[in-house]
PDB file of N, CA and C in Angstrom:
ATOM      1  N   UNK A   1      97.645 125.842  80.950  1.00  0.00           N
ATOM      2  CA  UNK A   1      98.583 126.851  82.401  1.00  0.00           C
ATOM      3  C   UNK A   1      98.853 125.992  83.660  1.00  0.00           C
ATOM      4  N   UNK A   2     100.107 126.296  83.803  1.00  0.00           N
ATOM      5  CA  UNK A   2     100.743 125.738  85.513  1.00  0.00           C
ATOM      6  C   UNK A   2     100.097 126.396  86.205  1.00  0.00           C
ATOM      7  N   UNK A   3      99.303 126.012  87.397  1.00  0.00           N
ATOM      8  CA  UNK A   3      98.775 126.771  88.483  1.00  0.00           C
ATOM      9  C   UNK A   3      99.961 126.551  89.859  1.00  0.00           C
ATOM     10  N   UNK A   4     100.737 127.707  90.301  1.00  0.00           N
ATOM     11  CA  UNK A   4     101.225 127.783  91.384  1.00  0.00           C
ATOM     12  C   UNK A   4     101.106 128.827  92.239  1.00  0.00           C
ATOM     13  N   UNK A   5     100.955 128.327  93.471  1.00  0.00           N
ATOM     14  CA  UNK A   5     100.376 128.754  94.591  1.00  0.00           C
ATOM     15  C   UNK A   5     101.064 128.998  96.449  1.00  0.00           C
ATOM     16  N   UNK A   6     101.285 129.931  96.526  1.00  0.00           N
ATOM     17  CA  UNK A   6     102.010 129.622  97.811  1.00  0.00           C
ATOM     18  C   UNK A   6     101.550 128.732  98.880  1.00  0.00           C
ATOM     19  N   UNK A   7     101.915 128.229  99.399  1.00  0.00           N
ATOM     20  CA  UNK A   7     101.416 127.195 100.640  1.00  0.00           C
ATOM     21  C   UNK A   7     100.677 128.233 101.753  1.00  0.00           C
ATOM     22  N   UNK A   8     101.010 129.028 101.701  1.00  0.00           N
ATOM     23  CA  UNK A   8      99.987 130.095 102.525  1.00  0.00           C
ATOM     24  C   UNK A   8      98.556 130.482 102.340  1.00  0.00           C
ATOM     25  N   UNK A   9      98.399 129.891 100.919  1.00  0.00           N
ATOM     26  CA  UNK A   9      96.954 130.197 100.041  1.00  0.00           C
ATOM     27  C   UNK A   9      96.091 128.893 100.596  1.00  0.00           C
ATOM     28  N   UNK A  10      96.958 127.901 101.427  1.00  0.00           N
ATOM     29  CA  UNK A  10      95.741 127.213 101.986  1.00  0.00           C
ATOM     30  C   UNK A  10      95.202 127.473 103.215  1.00  0.00           C
ATOM     31  N   UNK A  11      95.390 128.705 103.418  1.00  0.00           N
ATOM     32  CA  UNK A  11      94.163 129.290 104.606  1.00  0.00           C
ATOM     33  C   UNK A  11      93.005 129.609 104.080  1.00  0.00           C
ATOM     34  N   UNK A  12      93.042 129.909 102.937  1.00  0.00           N
ATOM     35  CA  UNK A  12      91.685 129.936 102.128  1.00  0.00           C
ATOM     36  C   UNK A  12      91.622 128.267 101.499  1.00  0.00           C
ATOM     37  N   UNK A  13      91.652 127.309 101.595  1.00  0.00           N
ATOM     38  CA  UNK A  13      91.711 126.038 100.529  1.00  0.00           C
ATOM     39  C   UNK A  13      90.739 125.884 100.095  1.00  0.00           C
ATOM     40  N   UNK A  14      89.520 126.584 100.252  1.00  0.00           N
ATOM     41  CA  UNK A  14      88.303 126.120  99.122  1.00  0.00           C
ATOM     42  C   UNK A  14      88.857 127.053  97.895  1.00  0.00           C
ATOM     43  N   UNK A  15      89.621 128.094  97.825  1.00  0.00           N
ATOM     44  CA  UNK A  15      90.062 128.647  96.665  1.00  0.00           C
ATOM     45  C   UNK A  15      90.775 128.042  95.920  1.00  0.00           C
ATOM     46  N   UNK A  16      91.842 126.928  96.815  1.00  0.00           N
ATOM     47  CA  UNK A  16      92.837 126.394  96.425  1.00  0.00           C
ATOM     48  C   UNK A  16      92.239 125.119  95.639  1.00  0.00           C
ATOM     49  N   UNK A  17      91.445 124.566  96.197  1.00  0.00           N
ATOM     50  CA  UNK A  17      90.500 123.240  95.950  1.00  0.00           C
ATOM     51  C   UNK A  17      89.663 123.534  94.555  1.00  0.00           C
ATOM     52  N   UNK A  18      89.110 124.778  94.460  1.00  0.00           N
ATOM     53  CA  UNK A  18      88.381 124.919  92.886  1.00  0.00           C
ATOM     54  C   UNK A  18      88.903 124.783  91.911  1.00  0.00           C
ATOM     55  N   UNK A  19      90.413 125.245  92.087  1.00  0.00           N
ATOM     56  CA  UNK A  19      91.391 125.309  90.957  1.00  0.00           C
ATOM     57  C   UNK A  19      91.786 124.293  90.630  1.00  0.00           C
ATOM     58  N   UNK A  20      91.824 123.079  91.102  1.00  0.00           N
ATOM     59  CA  UNK A  20      92.219 121.550  90.920  1.00  0.00           C
ATOM     60  C   UNK A  20      91.251 121.010  90.318  1.00  0.00           C
ATOM     61  N   UNK A  21      91.464 120.110  89.307  1.00  0.00           N
ATOM     62  CA  UNK A  21      90.772 119.304  88.581  1.00  0.00           C
ATOM     63  C   UNK A  21      91.749 118.182  87.676  1.00  0.00           C
ATOM     64  N   UNK A  22      90.917 117.599  86.868  1.00  0.00           N
ATOM     65  CA  UNK A  22      91.443 116.637  86.341  1.00  0.00           C
ATOM     66  C   UNK A  22      92.342 117.221  84.931  1.00  0.00           C
ATOM     67  N   UNK A  23      93.754 116.702  85.428  1.00  0.00           N
ATOM     68  CA  UNK A  23      94.986 117.464  84.679  1.00  0.00           C
ATOM     69  C   UNK A  23      95.236 118.728  84.876  1.00  0.00           C
ATOM     70  N   UNK A  24      94.554 119.067  85.948  1.00  0.00           N
ATOM     71  CA  UNK A  24      94.987 120.739  86.817  1.00  0.00           C
ATOM     72  C   UNK A  24      95.316 120.750  87.805  1.00  0.00           C
ATOM     73  N   UNK A  25      96.586 120.505  88.294  1.00  0.00           N
ATOM     74  CA  UNK A  25      96.886 120.148  89.155  1.00  0.00           C
ATOM     75  C   UNK A  25      97.263 121.417  89.950  1.00  0.00           C
ATOM     76  N   UNK A  26      97.535 121.735  91.050  1.00  0.00           N
ATOM     77  CA  UNK A  26      98.011 123.052  91.922  1.00  0.00           C
ATOM     78  C   UNK A  26      99.469 122.699  92.480  1.00  0.00           C
ATOM     79  N   UNK A  27     100.827 123.284  92.256  1.00  0.00           N
ATOM     80  CA  UNK A  27     101.356 123.440  92.638  1.00  0.00           C
ATOM     81  C   UNK A  27     102.088 124.362  94.005  1.00  0.00           C
ATOM     82  N   UNK A  28     102.433 124.181  95.244  1.00  0.00           N
ATOM     83  CA  UNK A  28     102.334 124.697  96.029  1.00  0.00           C
ATOM     84  C   UNK A  28     103.811 124.923  96.526  1.00  0.00           C
ATOM     85  N   UNK A  29     104.226 126.196  96.543  1.00  0.00           N
ATOM     86  CA  UNK A  29     105.392 126.498  96.964  1.00  0.00           C
ATOM     87  C   UNK A  29     105.507 126.874  98.562  1.00  0.00           C
ATOM     88  N   UNK A  30     106.923 126.772  99.096  1.00  0.00           N
ATOM     89  CA  UNK A  30     107.237 126.911 100.465  1.00  0.00           C
ATOM     90  C   UNK A  30     108.634 128.247 100.017  1.00  0.00           C
ATOM     91  N   UNK A  31     108.712 129.036 100.632  1.00  0.00           N
ATOM     92  CA  UNK A  31     109.477 129.679 100.507  1.00  0.00           C
ATOM     93  C   UNK A  31     110.131 130.175  99.247  1.00  0.00           C
ATOM     94  N   UNK A  32     109.551 130.308  98.271  1.00  0.00           N
ATOM     95  CA  UNK A  32     109.458 130.272  96.863  1.00  0.00           C
ATOM     96  C   UNK A  32     110.148 129.132  95.997  1.00  0.00           C
ATOM     97  N   UNK A  33     109.882 127.911  96.808  1.00  0.00           N
ATOM     98  CA  UNK A  33     110.394 126.528  96.042  1.00  0.00           C
ATOM     99  C   UNK A  33     109.224 125.654  95.916  1.00  0.00           C
ATOM    100  N   UNK A  34     109.201 124.799  95.063  1.00  0.00           N
ATOM    101  CA  UNK A  34     108.162 124.120  95.275  1.00  0.00           C
ATOM    102  C   UNK A  34     108.667 122.737  96.074  1.00  0.00           C
ATOM    103  N   UNK A  35     107.296 122.765  96.672  1.00  0.00           N
ATOM    104  CA  UNK A  35     106.942 121.766  97.875  1.00  0.00           C
ATOM    105  C   UNK A  35     106.217 120.448  97.641  1.00  0.00           C
ATOM    106  N   UNK A  36     105.088 120.987  97.354  1.00  0.00           N
ATOM    107  CA  UNK A  36     103.558 120.074  97.308  1.00  0.00           C
ATOM    108  C   UNK A  36     102.794 120.314  95.908  1.00  0.00           C
ATOM    109  N   UNK A  37     102.211 118.946  95.548  1.00  0.00           N
ATOM    110  CA  UNK A  37     101.225 119.309  94.477  1.00  0.00           C
ATOM    111  C   UNK A  37     100.165 118.552  95.164  1.00  0.00           C
ATOM    112  N   UNK A  38      98.824 119.529  94.811  1.00  0.00           N
ATOM    113  CA  UNK A  38      97.494 119.076  95.026  1.00  0.00           C
ATOM    114  C   UNK A  38      96.983 118.770  94.024  1.00  0.00           C
ATOM    115  N   UNK A  39      96.371 117.246  93.711  1.00  0.00           N
ATOM    116  CA  UNK A  39      95.929 116.323  92.027  1.00  0.00           C
ATOM    117  C   UNK A  39      94.412 116.090  92.854  1.00  0.00           C
ATOM    118  N   UNK A  40      93.811 116.088  91.482  1.00  0.00           N
ATOM    119  CA  UNK A  40      92.511 115.336  91.395  1.00  0.00           C
ATOM    120  C   UNK A  40      92.736 113.843  91.846  1.00  0.00           C
ATOM    121  N   UNK A  41      91.425 113.388  92.690  1.00  0.00           N
ATOM    122  CA  UNK A  41      91.781 111.855  92.689  1.00  0.00           C
ATOM    123  C   UNK A  41      91.925 111.127  91.665  1.00  0.00           C
ATOM    124  N   UNK A  42      91.126 111.336  90.522  1.00  0.00           N
ATOM    125  CA  UNK A  42      91.380 110.385  89.209  1.00  0.00           C
ATOM    126  C   UNK A  42      92.694 110.458  88.967  1.00  0.00           C
ATOM    127  N   UNK A  43      93.148 111.855  89.027  1.00  0.00           N
ATOM    128  CA  UNK A  43      94.770 111.788  88.362  1.00  0.00           C
ATOM    129  C   UNK A  43      95.860 110.971  89.367  1.00  0.00           C
ATOM    130  N   UNK A  44      95.788 111.166  90.318  1.00  0.00           N
ATOM    131  CA  UNK A  44      96.307 110.284  91.314  1.00  0.00           C
ATOM    132  C   UNK A  44      95.879 108.707  91.223  1.00  0.00           C
ATOM    133  N   UNK A  45      94.945 108.359  91.160  1.00  0.00           N
ATOM    134  CA  UNK A  45      94.717 107.062  91.085  1.00  0.00           C
ATOM    135  C   UNK A  45      95.426 106.503  89.463  1.00  0.00           C
ATOM    136  N   UNK A  46      95.236 107.375  88.735  1.00  0.00           N
ATOM    137  CA  UNK A  46      95.885 106.607  87.501  1.00  0.00           C
ATOM    138  C   UNK A  46      97.212 107.006  87.606  1.00  0.00           C
ATOM    139  N   UNK A  47      98.021 107.806  88.207  1.00  0.00           N
ATOM    140  CA  UNK A  47      99.643 107.796  88.627  1.00  0.00           C
ATOM    141  C   UNK A  47      99.546 106.161  89.304  1.00  0.00           C
ATOM    142  N   UNK A  48      98.791 105.992  90.562  1.00  0.00           N
ATOM    143  CA  UNK A  48      98.859 104.786  91.003  1.00  0.00           C
ATOM    144  C   UNK A  48      99.305 103.510  89.949  1.00  0.00           C
ATOM    145  N   UNK A  49      98.198 103.591  89.240  1.00  0.00           N
ATOM    146  CA  UNK A  49      98.392 102.478  88.157  1.00  0.00           C
ATOM    147  C   UNK A  49      99.184 102.288  87.547  1.00  0.00           C
ATOM    148  N   UNK A  50     100.007 103.604  87.124  1.00  0.00           N
ATOM    149  CA  UNK A  50     100.753 103.780  85.896  1.00  0.00           C
ATOM    150  C   UNK A  50     102.154 103.212  86.751  1.00  0.00           C
ATOM    151  N   UNK A  51     102.486 103.660  87.957  1.00  0.00           N
ATOM    152  CA  UNK A  51     103.570 103.335  89.102  1.00  0.00           C
ATOM    153  C   UNK A  51     103.492 101.460  88.786  1.00  0.00           C
ATOM    154  N   UNK A  52     102.624 100.863  89.205  1.00  0.00           N
ATOM    155  CA  UNK A  52     102.247  99.333  89.392  1.00  0.00           C
ATOM    156  C   UNK A  52     102.406  98.590  88.146  1.00  0.00           C
ATOM    157  N   UNK A  53     102.094  99.546  86.898  1.00  0.00           N
ATOM    158  CA  UNK A  53     102.424  98.780  85.731  1.00  0.00           C
ATOM    159  C   UNK A  53     103.925  98.761  85.320  1.00  0.00           C
ATOM    160  N   UNK A  54     104.261 100.186  85.651  1.00  0.00           N
ATOM    161  CA  UNK A  54     105.914 100.008  85.394  1.00  0.00           C
ATOM    162  C   UNK A  54     106.229  99.211  86.217  1.00  0.00           C
ATOM    163  N   UNK A  55     106.041  98.814  87.347  1.00  0.00           N
ATOM    164  CA  UNK A  55     106.846  98.265  88.464  1.00  0.00           C
ATOM    165  C   UNK A  55     106.904  96.555  87.786  1.00  0.00           C
ATOM    166  N   UNK A  56     105.359  96.289  87.245  1.00  0.00           N
ATOM    167  CA  UNK A  56     105.196  94.644  86.407  1.00  0.00           C
ATOM    168  C   UNK A  56     106.237  94.733  85.237  1.00  0.00           C
ATOM    169  N   UNK A  57     106.271  95.744  84.664  1.00  0.00           N
ATOM    170  CA  UNK A  57     107.099  95.909  83.379  1.00  0.00           C
ATOM    171  C   UNK A  57     108.423  95.390  83.854  1.00  0.00           C
ATOM    172  N   UNK A  58     109.078  96.459  84.678  1.00  0.00           N
ATOM    173  CA  UNK A  58     110.368  95.967  85.259  1.00  0.00           C
ATOM    174  C   UNK A  58     110.477  94.474  85.842  1.00  0.00           C
ATOM    175  N   UNK A  59     109.515  93.935  86.711  1.00  0.00           N
ATOM    176  CA  UNK A  59     109.559  92.433  87.061  1.00  0.00           C
ATOM    177  C   UNK A  59     109.488  91.639  85.700  1.00  0.00           C
ATOM    178  N   UNK A  60     108.779  91.842  84.778  1.00  0.00           N
ATOM    179  CA  UNK A  60     108.726  90.622  83.690  1.00  0.00           C
ATOM    180  C   UNK A  60     109.909  91.287  82.811  1.00  0.00           C
ATOM    181  N   UNK A  61     110.314  92.366  82.865  1.00  0.00           N
ATOM    182  CA  UNK A  61     111.963  92.293  82.020  1.00  0.00           C
ATOM    183  C   UNK A  61     112.871  91.486  82.756  1.00  0.00           C
ATOM    184  N   UNK A  62     113.009  91.533  83.953  1.00  0.00           N
ATOM    185  CA  UNK A  62     113.895  90.806  84.889  1.00  0.00           C
ATOM    186  C   UNK A  62     113.798  89.186  84.550  1.00  0.00           C
ATOM    187  N   UNK A  63     112.541  88.895  84.587  1.00  0.00           N
ATOM    188  CA  UNK A  63     112.150  87.175  84.409  1.00  0.00           C
ATOM    189  C   UNK A  63     112.924  87.218  83.178  1.00  0.00           C
ATOM    190  N   UNK A  64     112.455  87.765  82.015  1.00  0.00           N
ATOM    191  CA  UNK A  64     113.161  87.540  80.912  1.00  0.00           C
ATOM    192  C   UNK A  64     114.619  87.333  80.653  1.00  0.00           C
ATOM    193  N   UNK A  65     115.253  88.240  81.362  1.00  0.00           N
ATOM    194  CA  UNK A  65     116.704  88.016  81.423  1.00  0.00           C
ATOM    195  C   UNK A  65     117.447  86.922  82.534  1.00  0.00           C
ATOM    196  N   UNK A  66     116.610  86.621  83.505  1.00  0.00           N
ATOM    197  CA  UNK A  66     116.985  85.441  84.345  1.00  0.00           C
ATOM    198  C   UNK A  66     116.295  84.350  84.177  1.00  0.00           C
ATOM    199  N   UNK A  67     115.215  83.944  83.614  1.00  0.00           N
ATOM    200  CA  UNK A  67     115.004  82.825  83.072  1.00  0.00           C
ATOM    201  C   UNK A  67     113.376  82.713  84.175  1.00  0.00           C
ATOM    202  N   UNK A  68     112.938  81.901  84.122  1.00  0.00           N
ATOM    203  CA  UNK A  68     112.040  81.420  85.446  1.00  0.00           C
ATOM    204  C   UNK A  68     111.927  81.622  86.556  1.00  0.00           C
ATOM    205  N   UNK A  69     110.448  82.103  87.300  1.00  0.00           N
ATOM    206  CA  UNK A  69     110.989  82.359  88.635  1.00  0.00           C
ATOM    207  C   UNK A  69     109.806  81.811  89.541  1.00  0.00           C
ATOM    208  N   UNK A  70     109.599  81.212  90.729  1.00  0.00           N
ATOM    209  CA  UNK A  70     108.299  80.516  91.232  1.00  0.00           C
ATOM    210  C   UNK A  70     107.208  81.667  91.030  1.00  0.00           C
ATOM    211  N   UNK A  71     105.656  81.402  90.683  1.00  0.00           N
ATOM    212  CA  UNK A  71     104.914  82.146  91.169  1.00  0.00           C
ATOM    213  C   UNK A  71     104.781  83.045  92.245  1.00  0.00           C
ATOM    214  N   UNK A  72     104.607  82.345  93.832  1.00  0.00           N
ATOM    215  CA  UNK A  72     104.351  82.590  94.990  1.00  0.00           C
ATOM    216  C   UNK A  72     105.490  83.709  94.576  1.00  0.00           C
ATOM    217  N   UNK A  73     106.919  83.577  94.398  1.00  0.00           N
ATOM    218  CA  UNK A  73     108.035  84.901  94.500  1.00  0.00           C
ATOM    219  C   UNK A  73     107.509  86.063  93.642  1.00  0.00           C
ATOM    220  N   UNK A  74     107.016  85.606  92.799  1.00  0.00           N
ATOM    221  CA  UNK A  74     106.702  86.704  91.710  1.00  0.00           C
ATOM    222  C   UNK A  74     105.194  87.905  92.285  1.00  0.00           C
ATOM    223  N   UNK A  75     104.380  87.041  92.654  1.00  0.00           N
ATOM    224  CA  UNK A  75     103.273  87.023  93.365  1.00  0.00           C
ATOM    225  C   UNK A  75     103.437  88.260  94.815  1.00  0.00           C
ATOM    226  N   UNK A  76     104.515  87.470  95.519  1.00  0.00           N
ATOM    227  CA  UNK A  76     104.938  88.244  96.774  1.00  0.00           C
ATOM    228  C   UNK A  76     105.254  89.760  96.322  1.00  0.00           C
ATOM    229  N   UNK A  77     106.130  89.690  95.055  1.00  0.00           N
ATOM    230  CA  UNK A  77     107.042  90.831  94.704  1.00  0.00           C
ATOM    231  C   UNK A  77     105.747  92.317  93.958  1.00  0.00           C
ATOM    232  N   UNK A  78     104.893  91.723  93.588  1.00  0.00           N
ATOM    233  CA  UNK A  78     103.854  92.192  93.233  1.00  0.00           C
ATOM    234  C   UNK A  78     102.962  93.249  94.063  1.00  0.00           C
ATOM    235  N   UNK A  79     102.796  92.161  95.231  1.00  0.00           N
ATOM    236  CA  UNK A  79     101.447  92.669  96.028  1.00  0.00           C
ATOM    237  C   UNK A  79     102.262  93.709  97.286  1.00  0.00           C
ATOM    238  N   UNK A  80     103.654  93.891  97.076  1.00  0.00           N
ATOM    239  CA  UNK A  80     104.682  94.518  98.114  1.00  0.00           C
ATOM    240  C   UNK A  80     103.635  96.474  97.975  1.00  0.00           C
TER     241      UNK A  80
END
């Protein structure tokens, strides 16, 4: 079930945080529109790893198309 609350609920942040859990984000609305998401730290870390793996896949695909690239260039791009 999707958990949606108005941002004003943050006045009682304990109530909001009690509803956040793994695979259970809380979507906060402002003036009736989605504005923020509160997520569990493990979910956030998994999302960051996913973004990095997507970036790596993009770099590898680009390298396949254009041939080889210097290692220092690839490393600099990955560390951005």
